Amino acid sequence: MGKQEEIRKALADHAMKFGPAATMLATVVAVDPSTFTCTLVDADDDFEYPGIRLRPVLDGNEALTLFPKVGTWALAVRIEDEEHEWMVMAMGEVDKWRLKIGATIIEQDATGLLVQKGSDTLKQVLTLIIEAMQKIIVLQGTNPDRAKLVTAKTKTNNLFR
């Protein structure tokens, strides 16, 4: 190792001892889905860190966002060595996830799965199909199995929101 590399390593080691940490393992105490931020409390110093980003860039656009569950742990990393800018990189439990591509949203939480484009949802489509099939009367052959259609509608309501 050359002299220049030794000096750089020594400076980096020194900075790590006395400078701010690059990562933080803390507990999620609040989540704000409207601003894509959360509040963390560091167990080491019991200090509260508000405004921790759930996405690296808060510019109004959205792709994939994971929303941590309150009370779970989260690993936050410092953004570009800024002292007060952090982003959640990993979490113990997820309360909700959302994927947005153009006008299409796919979102999952404890209440179910949402697949939506504009104002149309997959649950609406499936419900309309099931309701239409329940009214079918066949003169020759076999009528639709109404019990299975009722079960399908119930399962659709349980799975989707």
Protein backbone atom coordinates (compact mmCIF):
# COMPACT_ATOMS: atom_id res chain seq x y z
CA MET A 1 0.00 0.00 0.00
CA GLY A 2 1.39 3.37 -1.02
CA LYS A 3 1.76 6.40 1.24
CA GLN A 4 -1.24 8.14 -0.35
CA GLU A 5 -3.50 5.10 0.26
CA GLU A 6 -2.29 4.82 3.86
CA ILE A 7 -3.15 8.47 4.49
CA ARG A 8 -6.62 8.05 2.95
CA LYS A 9 -7.28 4.94 5.04
CA ALA A 10 -6.10 6.68 8.21
CA LEU A 11 -8.34 9.69 7.49
CA ALA A 12 -11.32 7.43 6.77
CA ASP A 13 -10.74 5.49 10.02
CA HIS A 14 -10.45 8.75 11.95
CA ALA A 15 -13.64 10.13 10.40
CA MET A 16 -15.54 6.94 11.27
CA LYS A 17 -14.49 7.28 14.93
CA PHE A 18 -15.57 10.90 15.32
CA GLY A 19 -17.98 11.61 12.46
CA PRO A 20 -21.65 10.73 12.13
CA ALA A 21 -22.54 7.12 11.46
CA ALA A 22 -23.46 6.12 7.91
CA THR A 23 -26.23 3.76 9.07
CA MET A 24 -28.73 3.63 11.92
CA LEU A 25 -30.78 0.73 13.26
CA ALA A 26 -33.85 2.20 14.97
CA THR A 27 -37.51 1.64 15.79
CA VAL A 28 -40.34 3.04 13.66
CA VAL A 29 -42.66 5.18 15.79
CA ALA A 30 -44.72 6.91 13.06
CA VAL A 31 -45.30 6.67 9.30
CA ASP A 32 -46.68 9.45 7.07
CA PRO A 33 -47.80 7.91 3.75
CA SER A 34 -48.69 11.32 2.29
CA THR A 35 -45.09 12.59 2.54
CA PHE A 36 -43.40 9.17 2.16
CA THR A 37 -41.55 9.66 5.45
CA CYS A 38 -41.41 8.07 8.88
CA THR A 39 -40.09 8.88 12.33
CA LEU A 40 -37.46 6.65 13.93
CA VAL A 41 -36.18 6.41 17.50
CA ASP A 42 -32.61 5.24 17.95
CA ALA A 43 -32.35 2.80 20.86
CA ASP A 44 -28.71 3.75 21.51
CA ASP A 45 -29.32 7.41 22.33
CA ASP A 46 -33.18 7.42 22.58
CA PHE A 47 -33.19 10.29 20.07
CA GLU A 48 -36.12 10.82 17.70
CA TYR A 49 -35.39 11.28 13.99
CA PRO A 50 -38.40 12.72 12.09
CA GLY A 51 -38.67 12.97 8.31
CA ILE A 52 -36.79 9.79 7.42
CA ARG A 53 -37.45 9.13 3.75
CA LEU A 54 -39.12 5.94 2.53
CA ARG A 55 -37.80 6.66 -0.98
CA PRO A 56 -34.46 8.22 -1.97
CA VAL A 57 -35.95 11.15 -3.87
CA LEU A 58 -39.11 12.93 -2.77
CA ASP A 59 -40.04 14.62 -6.03
CA GLY A 60 -43.73 13.78 -6.35
CA ASN A 61 -43.06 10.73 -8.52
CA GLU A 62 -43.56 7.25 -7.18
CA ALA A 63 -42.42 3.80 -8.22
CA LEU A 64 -42.15 1.14 -5.49
CA THR A 65 -42.66 2.21 -1.88
CA LEU A 66 -42.53 0.04 1.23
CA PHE A 67 -44.28 1.43 4.31
CA PRO A 68 -42.84 0.03 7.57
CA LYS A 69 -45.06 -1.15 10.39
CA VAL A 70 -45.03 1.07 13.48
CA GLY A 71 -43.07 -0.65 16.24
CA THR A 72 -40.78 -2.61 13.94
CA TRP A 73 -37.07 -1.98 13.41
CA ALA A 74 -35.74 -0.15 10.38
CA LEU A 75 -32.27 0.26 8.93
CA ALA A 76 -31.70 3.82 7.71
CA VAL A 77 -28.73 5.03 5.69
CA ARG A 78 -27.38 8.54 5.38
CA ILE A 79 -28.01 10.15 1.98
CA GLU A 80 -24.84 11.54 0.41
CA ASP A 81 -23.17 12.29 3.75
CA GLU A 82 -25.83 14.85 4.67
CA GLU A 83 -26.13 15.06 8.45
CA HIS A 84 -29.94 15.21 8.60
CA GLU A 85 -30.94 13.29 5.45
CA TRP A 86 -31.75 9.61 5.99
CA MET A 87 -33.60 6.92 4.04
CA VAL A 88 -35.04 3.61 5.21
CA MET A 89 -33.30 0.75 3.40
CA ALA A 90 -34.79 -2.26 5.18
CA MET A 91 -37.42 -2.98 7.80
CA GLY A 92 -38.51 -5.83 10.04
CA GLU A 93 -42.16 -5.76 8.99
CA VAL A 94 -44.01 -4.05 6.16
CA ASP A 95 -47.44 -2.53 6.82
CA LYS A 96 -48.12 -1.79 3.15
CA TRP A 97 -46.39 -1.75 -0.24
CA ARG A 98 -47.37 0.19 -3.33
CA LEU A 99 -46.18 0.03 -6.94
CA LYS A 100 -47.18 2.86 -9.26
CA ILE A 101 -46.56 2.80 -13.00
CA GLY A 102 -48.26 5.62 -14.86
CA ALA A 103 -51.96 5.56 -13.94
CA THR A 104 -51.73 1.96 -12.65
CA ILE A 105 -51.43 1.23 -8.93
CA ILE A 106 -50.88 -2.13 -7.27
CA GLU A 107 -51.07 -1.89 -3.50
CA GLN A 108 -51.17 -4.51 -0.73
CA ASP A 109 -51.96 -4.10 2.95
CA ALA A 110 -53.69 -6.20 5.59
CA THR A 111 -57.13 -5.43 4.13
CA GLY A 112 -56.30 -6.89 0.72
CA LEU A 113 -54.83 -6.30 -2.70
CA LEU A 114 -55.72 -3.28 -4.82
CA VAL A 115 -55.13 -3.38 -8.58
CA GLN A 116 -56.30 -0.11 -10.10
CA LYS A 117 -55.97 1.78 -13.36
CA GLY A 118 -57.64 5.15 -13.32
CA SER A 119 -60.91 4.61 -11.48
CA ASP A 120 -61.27 0.92 -12.48
CA THR A 121 -60.25 -1.82 -10.06
CA LEU A 122 -59.77 -5.55 -10.55
CA LYS A 123 -62.24 -6.21 -7.74
CA GLN A 124 -64.95 -4.25 -9.60
CA VAL A 125 -64.31 -6.21 -12.80
CA LEU A 126 -64.42 -9.62 -11.09
CA THR A 127 -67.54 -8.69 -9.12
CA LEU A 128 -69.33 -7.55 -12.28
CA ILE A 129 -68.42 -10.80 -14.07
CA ILE A 130 -69.64 -12.95 -11.16
CA GLU A 131 -72.88 -10.98 -10.79
CA ALA A 132 -73.56 -11.25 -14.53
CA MET A 133 -72.95 -15.01 -14.49
CA GLN A 134 -75.33 -15.49 -11.54
CA LYS A 135 -78.23 -14.29 -13.73
CA ILE A 136 -77.54 -16.69 -16.59
CA ILE A 137 -80.29 -19.25 -17.18
CA VAL A 138 -79.56 -22.06 -19.60
CA LEU A 139 -82.51 -23.66 -21.36
CA GLN A 140 -80.58 -26.70 -22.56
CA GLY A 141 -77.53 -27.92 -20.71
CA THR A 142 -76.28 -27.00 -17.26
CA ASN A 143 -76.94 -23.75 -15.43
CA PRO A 144 -74.01 -22.01 -13.73
CA ASP A 145 -73.23 -23.37 -10.27
CA ARG A 146 -74.74 -20.60 -8.13
CA ALA A 147 -73.09 -21.84 -4.92
CA LYS A 148 -69.65 -21.65 -6.54
CA LEU A 149 -70.40 -18.17 -7.88
CA VAL A 150 -71.41 -16.97 -4.39
CA THR A 151 -68.21 -18.51 -3.00
CA ALA A 152 -66.17 -16.85 -5.77
CA LYS A 153 -67.73 -13.47 -4.98
CA THR A 154 -67.02 -13.90 -1.26
CA LYS A 155 -63.39 -14.84 -1.96
CA THR A 156 -63.03 -11.89 -4.35
CA ASN A 157 -64.29 -9.55 -1.61
CA ASN A 158 -61.87 -11.11 0.91
CA LEU A 159 -58.84 -10.95 -1.38
CA PHE A 160 -59.29 -7.60 -3.13
CA ARG A 161 -60.17 -4.15 -1.97
